Amino acid sequence: MKVKSSIERGAQYLCTKLGDVVTAIEQVAVVKGLAMWEVERKIGEGIRKRLIVSERSLIPAHIASAPGLA
């Protein structure tokens, strides 16, 4: 089951649980009404790790980098 979400596939987001920028891959599940997303995190040179995180922990990267939000 898919839930309508403001998260877009392929877009960059700041993951608050990791404190790092990730790329949204796809919505993989719904847990207690909350969309869970598979995201990809880049570690070093060419190494990538995929994780499952809740939609709530993703903030658009362009908003997170705005002045005054730190």
PDB file of N, CA and C in Angstrom:
ATOM      1  N   MET A   1       0.842  -1.179   0.000  1.00  0.00           N
ATOM      2  CA  MET A   1       0.000   0.000   0.000  1.00  0.00           C
ATOM      3  C   MET A   1       0.886   1.242   0.000  1.00  0.00           C
ATOM      4  N   LYS A   2       0.583   2.180  -0.859  1.00  0.00           N
ATOM      5  CA  LYS A   2       1.324   3.434  -0.953  1.00  0.00           C
ATOM      6  C   LYS A   2       0.528   4.536  -0.266  1.00  0.00           C
ATOM      7  N   VAL A   3       1.247   5.477   0.308  1.00  0.00           N
ATOM      8  CA  VAL A   3       0.644   6.631   0.960  1.00  0.00           C
ATOM      9  C   VAL A   3       1.089   7.861   0.183  1.00  0.00           C
ATOM     10  N   LYS A   4       0.173   8.796  -0.047  1.00  0.00           N
ATOM     11  CA  LYS A   4       0.551  10.029  -0.741  1.00  0.00           C
ATOM     12  C   LYS A   4       1.587  10.749   0.106  1.00  0.00           C
ATOM     13  N   SER A   5       2.659  11.155  -0.546  1.00  0.00           N
ATOM     14  CA  SER A   5       3.791  11.699   0.177  1.00  0.00           C
ATOM     15  C   SER A   5       4.358  12.906  -0.558  1.00  0.00           C
ATOM     16  N   SER A   6       4.964  13.809   0.174  1.00  0.00           N
ATOM     17  CA  SER A   6       5.612  14.964  -0.446  1.00  0.00           C
ATOM     18  C   SER A   6       7.049  14.637  -0.849  1.00  0.00           C
ATOM     19  N   ILE A   7       7.518  13.455  -0.516  1.00  0.00           N
ATOM     20  CA  ILE A   7       8.866  13.021  -0.871  1.00  0.00           C
ATOM     21  C   ILE A   7       8.883  12.625  -2.350  1.00  0.00           C
ATOM     22  N   GLU A   8       9.916  13.049  -3.068  1.00  0.00           N
ATOM     23  CA  GLU A   8      10.046  12.736  -4.491  1.00  0.00           C
ATOM     24  C   GLU A   8      11.230  11.808  -4.713  1.00  0.00           C
ATOM     25  N   ARG A   9      11.034  10.819  -5.586  1.00  0.00           N
ATOM     26  CA  ARG A   9      12.114   9.889  -5.922  1.00  0.00           C
ATOM     27  C   ARG A   9      13.262  10.639  -6.590  1.00  0.00           C
ATOM     28  N   GLY A  10      14.484  10.322  -6.185  1.00  0.00           N
ATOM     29  CA  GLY A  10      15.672  10.918  -6.788  1.00  0.00           C
ATOM     30  C   GLY A  10      16.084  12.252  -6.200  1.00  0.00           C
ATOM     31  N   ALA A  11      15.257  12.835  -5.348  1.00  0.00           N
ATOM     32  CA  ALA A  11      15.564  14.141  -4.754  1.00  0.00           C
ATOM     33  C   ALA A  11      16.484  13.977  -3.542  1.00  0.00           C
ATOM     34  N   GLN A  12      17.200  15.050  -3.211  1.00  0.00           N
ATOM     35  CA  GLN A  12      18.119  15.065  -2.070  1.00  0.00           C
ATOM     36  C   GLN A  12      17.380  15.549  -0.826  1.00  0.00           C
ATOM     37  N   TYR A  13      17.620  14.874   0.296  1.00  0.00           N
ATOM     38  CA  TYR A  13      16.997  15.235   1.569  1.00  0.00           C
ATOM     39  C   TYR A  13      18.021  15.151   2.686  1.00  0.00           C
ATOM     40  N   LEU A  14      17.820  15.957   3.715  1.00  0.00           N
ATOM     41  CA  LEU A  14      18.612  15.837   4.927  1.00  0.00           C
ATOM     42  C   LEU A  14      17.887  14.851   5.821  1.00  0.00           C
ATOM     43  N   CYS A  15      18.564  13.789   6.208  1.00  0.00           N
ATOM     44  CA  CYS A  15      17.980  12.791   7.104  1.00  0.00           C
ATOM     45  C   CYS A  15      18.348  13.188   8.531  1.00  0.00           C
ATOM     46  N   THR A  16      17.361  13.556   9.324  1.00  0.00           N
ATOM     47  CA  THR A  16      17.626  14.044  10.672  1.00  0.00           C
ATOM     48  C   THR A  16      18.194  12.962  11.583  1.00  0.00           C
ATOM     49  N   LYS A  17      17.869  11.705  11.339  1.00  0.00           N
ATOM     50  CA  LYS A  17      18.399  10.621  12.177  1.00  0.00           C
ATOM     51  C   LYS A  17      19.875  10.369  11.906  1.00  0.00           C
ATOM     52  N   LEU A  18      20.313  10.593  10.660  1.00  0.00           N
ATOM     53  CA  LEU A  18      21.709  10.365  10.290  1.00  0.00           C
ATOM     54  C   LEU A  18      22.532  11.647  10.339  1.00  0.00           C
ATOM     55  N   GLY A  19      21.861  12.786  10.166  1.00  0.00           N
ATOM     56  CA  GLY A  19      22.572  14.055  10.095  1.00  0.00           C
ATOM     57  C   GLY A  19      23.355  14.187   8.797  1.00  0.00           C
ATOM     58  N   ASP A  20      22.871  13.540   7.737  1.00  0.00           N
ATOM     59  CA  ASP A  20      23.577  13.506   6.466  1.00  0.00           C
ATOM     60  C   ASP A  20      22.579  13.656   5.316  1.00  0.00           C
ATOM     61  N   VAL A  21      23.070  14.081   4.162  1.00  0.00           N
ATOM     62  CA  VAL A  21      22.221  14.218   2.981  1.00  0.00           C
ATOM     63  C   VAL A  21      22.084  12.856   2.315  1.00  0.00           C
ATOM     64  N   VAL A  22      20.850  12.500   1.957  1.00  0.00           N
ATOM     65  CA  VAL A  22      20.558  11.215   1.324  1.00  0.00           C
ATOM     66  C   VAL A  22      19.720  11.457   0.069  1.00  0.00           C
ATOM     67  N   THR A  23      19.662  10.442  -0.790  1.00  0.00           N
ATOM     68  CA  THR A  23      18.839  10.481  -1.997  1.00  0.00           C
ATOM     69  C   THR A  23      17.686   9.509  -1.824  1.00  0.00           C
ATOM     70  N   ALA A  24      16.457   9.964  -2.034  1.00  0.00           N
ATOM     71  CA  ALA A  24      15.281   9.095  -1.914  1.00  0.00           C
ATOM     72  C   ALA A  24      15.236   8.148  -3.106  1.00  0.00           C
ATOM     73  N   ILE A  25      15.077   6.846  -2.834  1.00  0.00           N
ATOM     74  CA  ILE A  25      15.014   5.845  -3.896  1.00  0.00           C
ATOM     75  C   ILE A  25      13.560   5.487  -4.184  1.00  0.00           C
ATOM     76  N   GLU A  26      12.851   4.941  -3.193  1.00  0.00           N
ATOM     77  CA  GLU A  26      11.434   4.616  -3.378  1.00  0.00           C
ATOM     78  C   GLU A  26      10.761   4.348  -2.043  1.00  0.00           C
ATOM     79  N   GLN A  27       9.438   4.499  -2.038  1.00  0.00           N
ATOM     80  CA  GLN A  27       8.644   4.173  -0.856  1.00  0.00           C
ATOM     81  C   GLN A  27       8.503   2.658  -0.807  1.00  0.00           C
ATOM     82  N   VAL A  28       8.862   2.059   0.321  1.00  0.00           N
ATOM     83  CA  VAL A  28       8.877   0.599   0.399  1.00  0.00           C
ATOM     84  C   VAL A  28       7.817   0.013   1.319  1.00  0.00           C
ATOM     85  N   ALA A  29       7.293   0.799   2.250  1.00  0.00           N
ATOM     86  CA  ALA A  29       6.320   0.249   3.195  1.00  0.00           C
ATOM     87  C   ALA A  29       5.538   1.373   3.858  1.00  0.00           C
ATOM     88  N   VAL A  30       4.502   0.966   4.583  1.00  0.00           N
ATOM     89  CA  VAL A  30       3.737   1.884   5.424  1.00  0.00           C
ATOM     90  C   VAL A  30       3.665   1.245   6.800  1.00  0.00           C
ATOM     91  N   VAL A  31       4.135   1.955   7.807  1.00  0.00           N
ATOM     92  CA  VAL A  31       4.123   1.457   9.176  1.00  0.00           C
ATOM     93  C   VAL A  31       3.340   2.444  10.029  1.00  0.00           C
ATOM     94  N   LYS A  32       2.255   1.970  10.605  1.00  0.00           N
ATOM     95  CA  LYS A  32       1.389   2.809  11.440  1.00  0.00           C
ATOM     96  C   LYS A  32       0.972   4.086  10.710  1.00  0.00           C
ATOM     97  N   GLY A  33       0.665   3.966   9.427  1.00  0.00           N
ATOM     98  CA  GLY A  33       0.204   5.091   8.630  1.00  0.00           C
ATOM     99  C   GLY A  33       1.289   6.024   8.140  1.00  0.00           C
ATOM    100  N   LEU A  34       2.550   5.717   8.434  1.00  0.00           N
ATOM    101  CA  LEU A  34       3.667   6.569   8.045  1.00  0.00           C
ATOM    102  C   LEU A  34       4.478   5.896   6.945  1.00  0.00           C
ATOM    103  N   ALA A  35       4.729   6.621   5.867  1.00  0.00           N
ATOM    104  CA  ALA A  35       5.485   6.066   4.739  1.00  0.00           C
ATOM    105  C   ALA A  35       6.940   5.838   5.132  1.00  0.00           C
ATOM    106  N   MET A  36       7.465   4.688   4.736  1.00  0.00           N
ATOM    107  CA  MET A  36       8.874   4.356   4.951  1.00  0.00           C
ATOM    108  C   MET A  36       9.564   4.398   3.590  1.00  0.00           C
ATOM    109  N   TRP A  37      10.722   5.053   3.539  1.00  0.00           N
ATOM    110  CA  TRP A  37      11.435   5.245   2.280  1.00  0.00           C
ATOM    111  C   TRP A  37      12.801   4.583   2.307  1.00  0.00           C
ATOM    112  N   GLU A  38      13.163   3.993   1.170  1.00  0.00           N
ATOM    113  CA  GLU A  38      14.522   3.500   0.987  1.00  0.00           C
ATOM    114  C   GLU A  38      15.327   4.694   0.498  1.00  0.00           C
ATOM    115  N   VAL A  39      16.424   4.991   1.183  1.00  0.00           N
ATOM    116  CA  VAL A  39      17.279   6.116   0.815  1.00  0.00           C
ATOM    117  C   VAL A  39      18.707   5.617   0.633  1.00  0.00           C
ATOM    118  N   GLU A  40      19.483   6.389  -0.092  1.00  0.00           N
ATOM    119  CA  GLU A  40      20.871   6.018  -0.347  1.00  0.00           C
ATOM    120  C   GLU A  40      21.768   7.120   0.190  1.00  0.00           C
ATOM    121  N   ARG A  41      22.758   6.718   0.954  1.00  0.00           N
ATOM    122  CA  ARG A  41      23.701   7.640   1.577  1.00  0.00           C
ATOM    123  C   ARG A  41      25.075   7.398   0.968  1.00  0.00           C
ATOM    124  N   LYS A  42      25.766   8.452   0.601  1.00  0.00           N
ATOM    125  CA  LYS A  42      27.102   8.311   0.022  1.00  0.00           C
ATOM    126  C   LYS A  42      28.133   8.405   1.139  1.00  0.00           C
ATOM    127  N   ILE A  43      29.020   7.413   1.180  1.00  0.00           N
ATOM    128  CA  ILE A  43      30.073   7.370   2.199  1.00  0.00           C
ATOM    129  C   ILE A  43      31.414   7.336   1.476  1.00  0.00           C
ATOM    130  N   GLY A  44      32.181   8.382   1.585  1.00  0.00           N
ATOM    131  CA  GLY A  44      33.505   8.395   0.963  1.00  0.00           C
ATOM    132  C   GLY A  44      33.443   8.366  -0.555  1.00  0.00           C
ATOM    133  N   GLU A  45      34.475   7.783  -1.167  1.00  0.00           N
ATOM    134  CA  GLU A  45      34.602   7.721  -2.621  1.00  0.00           C
ATOM    135  C   GLU A  45      33.823   6.560  -3.208  1.00  0.00           C
ATOM    136  N   GLY A  46      32.662   6.833  -3.754  1.00  0.00           N
ATOM    137  CA  GLY A  46      31.906   5.819  -4.475  1.00  0.00           C
ATOM    138  C   GLY A  46      31.194   4.774  -3.641  1.00  0.00           C
ATOM    139  N   ILE A  47      31.369   4.769  -2.343  1.00  0.00           N
ATOM    140  CA  ILE A  47      30.693   3.787  -1.493  1.00  0.00           C
ATOM    141  C   ILE A  47      29.320   4.340  -1.134  1.00  0.00           C
ATOM    142  N   ARG A  48      28.285   3.520  -1.342  1.00  0.00           N
ATOM    143  CA  ARG A  48      26.919   3.942  -1.037  1.00  0.00           C
ATOM    144  C   ARG A  48      26.253   2.909  -0.156  1.00  0.00           C
ATOM    145  N   LYS A  49      25.433   3.389   0.758  1.00  0.00           N
ATOM    146  CA  LYS A  49      24.715   2.496   1.662  1.00  0.00           C
ATOM    147  C   LYS A  49      23.233   2.838   1.594  1.00  0.00           C
ATOM    148  N   ARG A  50      22.404   1.812   1.490  1.00  0.00           N
ATOM    149  CA  ARG A  50      20.951   2.018   1.449  1.00  0.00           C
ATOM    150  C   ARG A  50      20.343   1.705   2.802  1.00  0.00           C
ATOM    151  N   LEU A  51      19.394   2.553   3.209  1.00  0.00           N
ATOM    152  CA  LEU A  51      18.733   2.428   4.503  1.00  0.00           C
ATOM    153  C   LEU A  51      17.244   2.661   4.326  1.00  0.00           C
ATOM    154  N   ILE A  52      16.455   2.207   5.284  1.00  0.00           N
ATOM    155  CA  ILE A  52      15.018   2.467   5.311  1.00  0.00           C
ATOM    156  C   ILE A  52      14.765   3.460   6.445  1.00  0.00           C
ATOM    157  N   VAL A  53      14.144   4.590   6.113  1.00  0.00           N
ATOM    158  CA  VAL A  53      13.847   5.612   7.117  1.00  0.00           C
ATOM    159  C   VAL A  53      12.404   6.079   6.948  1.00  0.00           C
ATOM    160  N   SER A  54      11.858   6.690   7.985  1.00  0.00           N
ATOM    161  CA  SER A  54      10.488   7.196   7.905  1.00  0.00           C
ATOM    162  C   SER A  54      10.470   8.533   7.166  1.00  0.00           C
ATOM    163  N   GLU A  55       9.329   8.811   6.560  1.00  0.00           N
ATOM    164  CA  GLU A  55       9.149  10.070   5.836  1.00  0.00           C
ATOM    165  C   GLU A  55       9.372  11.263   6.765  1.00  0.00           C
ATOM    166  N   ARG A  56       9.005  11.102   8.006  1.00  0.00           N
ATOM    167  CA  ARG A  56       9.099  12.181   8.994  1.00  0.00           C
ATOM    168  C   ARG A  56      10.545  12.645   9.224  1.00  0.00           C
ATOM    169  N   SER A  57      11.513  11.755   9.002  1.00  0.00           N
ATOM    170  CA  SER A  57      12.911  12.107   9.260  1.00  0.00           C
ATOM    171  C   SER A  57      13.603  12.756   8.061  1.00  0.00           C
ATOM    172  N   LEU A  58      12.875  12.990   6.965  1.00  0.00           N
ATOM    173  CA  LEU A  58      13.466  13.581   5.762  1.00  0.00           C
ATOM    174  C   LEU A  58      13.025  15.031   5.588  1.00  0.00           C
ATOM    175  N   ILE A  59      14.010  15.925   5.441  1.00  0.00           N
ATOM    176  CA  ILE A  59      13.760  17.350   5.216  1.00  0.00           C
ATOM    177  C   ILE A  59      14.400  17.710   3.878  1.00  0.00           C
ATOM    178  N   PRO A  60      13.698  18.410   2.987  1.00  0.00           N
ATOM    179  CA  PRO A  60      14.311  18.784   1.704  1.00  0.00           C
ATOM    180  C   PRO A  60      15.644  19.505   1.918  1.00  0.00           C
ATOM    181  N   ALA A  61      16.665  19.116   1.167  1.00  0.00           N
ATOM    182  CA  ALA A  61      18.022  19.651   1.349  1.00  0.00           C
ATOM    183  C   ALA A  61      18.083  21.152   1.110  1.00  0.00           C
ATOM    184  N   HIS A  62      17.306  21.684   0.157  1.00  0.00           N
ATOM    185  CA  HIS A  62      17.362  23.125  -0.118  1.00  0.00           C
ATOM    186  C   HIS A  62      16.788  23.937   1.042  1.00  0.00           C
ATOM    187  N   ILE A  63      15.844  23.388   1.781  1.00  0.00           N
ATOM    188  CA  ILE A  63      15.295  24.073   2.961  1.00  0.00           C
ATOM    189  C   ILE A  63      16.275  23.971   4.122  1.00  0.00           C
ATOM    190  N   ALA A  64      16.885  22.806   4.283  1.00  0.00           N
ATOM    191  CA  ALA A  64      17.820  22.583   5.386  1.00  0.00           C
ATOM    192  C   ALA A  64      19.057  23.465   5.271  1.00  0.00           C
ATOM    193  N   SER A  65      19.449  23.834   4.042  1.00  0.00           N
ATOM    194  CA  SER A  65      20.652  24.645   3.856  1.00  0.00           C
ATOM    195  C   SER A  65      20.362  26.150   3.861  1.00  0.00           C
ATOM    196  N   ALA A  66      19.105  26.530   4.055  1.00  0.00           N
ATOM    197  CA  ALA A  66      18.732  27.947   4.073  1.00  0.00           C
ATOM    198  C   ALA A  66      19.369  28.654   5.270  1.00  0.00           C
ATOM    199  N   PRO A  67      19.774  29.917   5.092  1.00  0.00           N
ATOM    200  CA  PRO A  67      20.367  30.662   6.202  1.00  0.00           C
ATOM    201  C   PRO A  67      19.379  30.815   7.361  1.00  0.00           C
ATOM    202  N   GLY A  68      19.895  30.744   8.557  1.00  0.00           N
ATOM    203  CA  GLY A  68      19.056  30.903   9.739  1.00  0.00           C
ATOM    204  C   GLY A  68      18.478  29.602  10.262  1.00  0.00           C
ATOM    205  N   LEU A  69      18.731  28.494   9.591  1.00  0.00           N
ATOM    206  CA  LEU A  69      18.253  27.189  10.054  1.00  0.00           C
ATOM    207  C   LEU A  69      19.445  26.339  10.458  1.00  0.00           C
ATOM    208  N   ALA A  70      19.944  26.531  11.626  1.00  0.00           N
ATOM    209  CA  ALA A  70      21.081  25.713  12.052  1.00  0.00           C
ATOM    210  C   ALA A  70      21.075  25.502  13.528  1.00  0.00           C
TER     211      ALA A  70
END
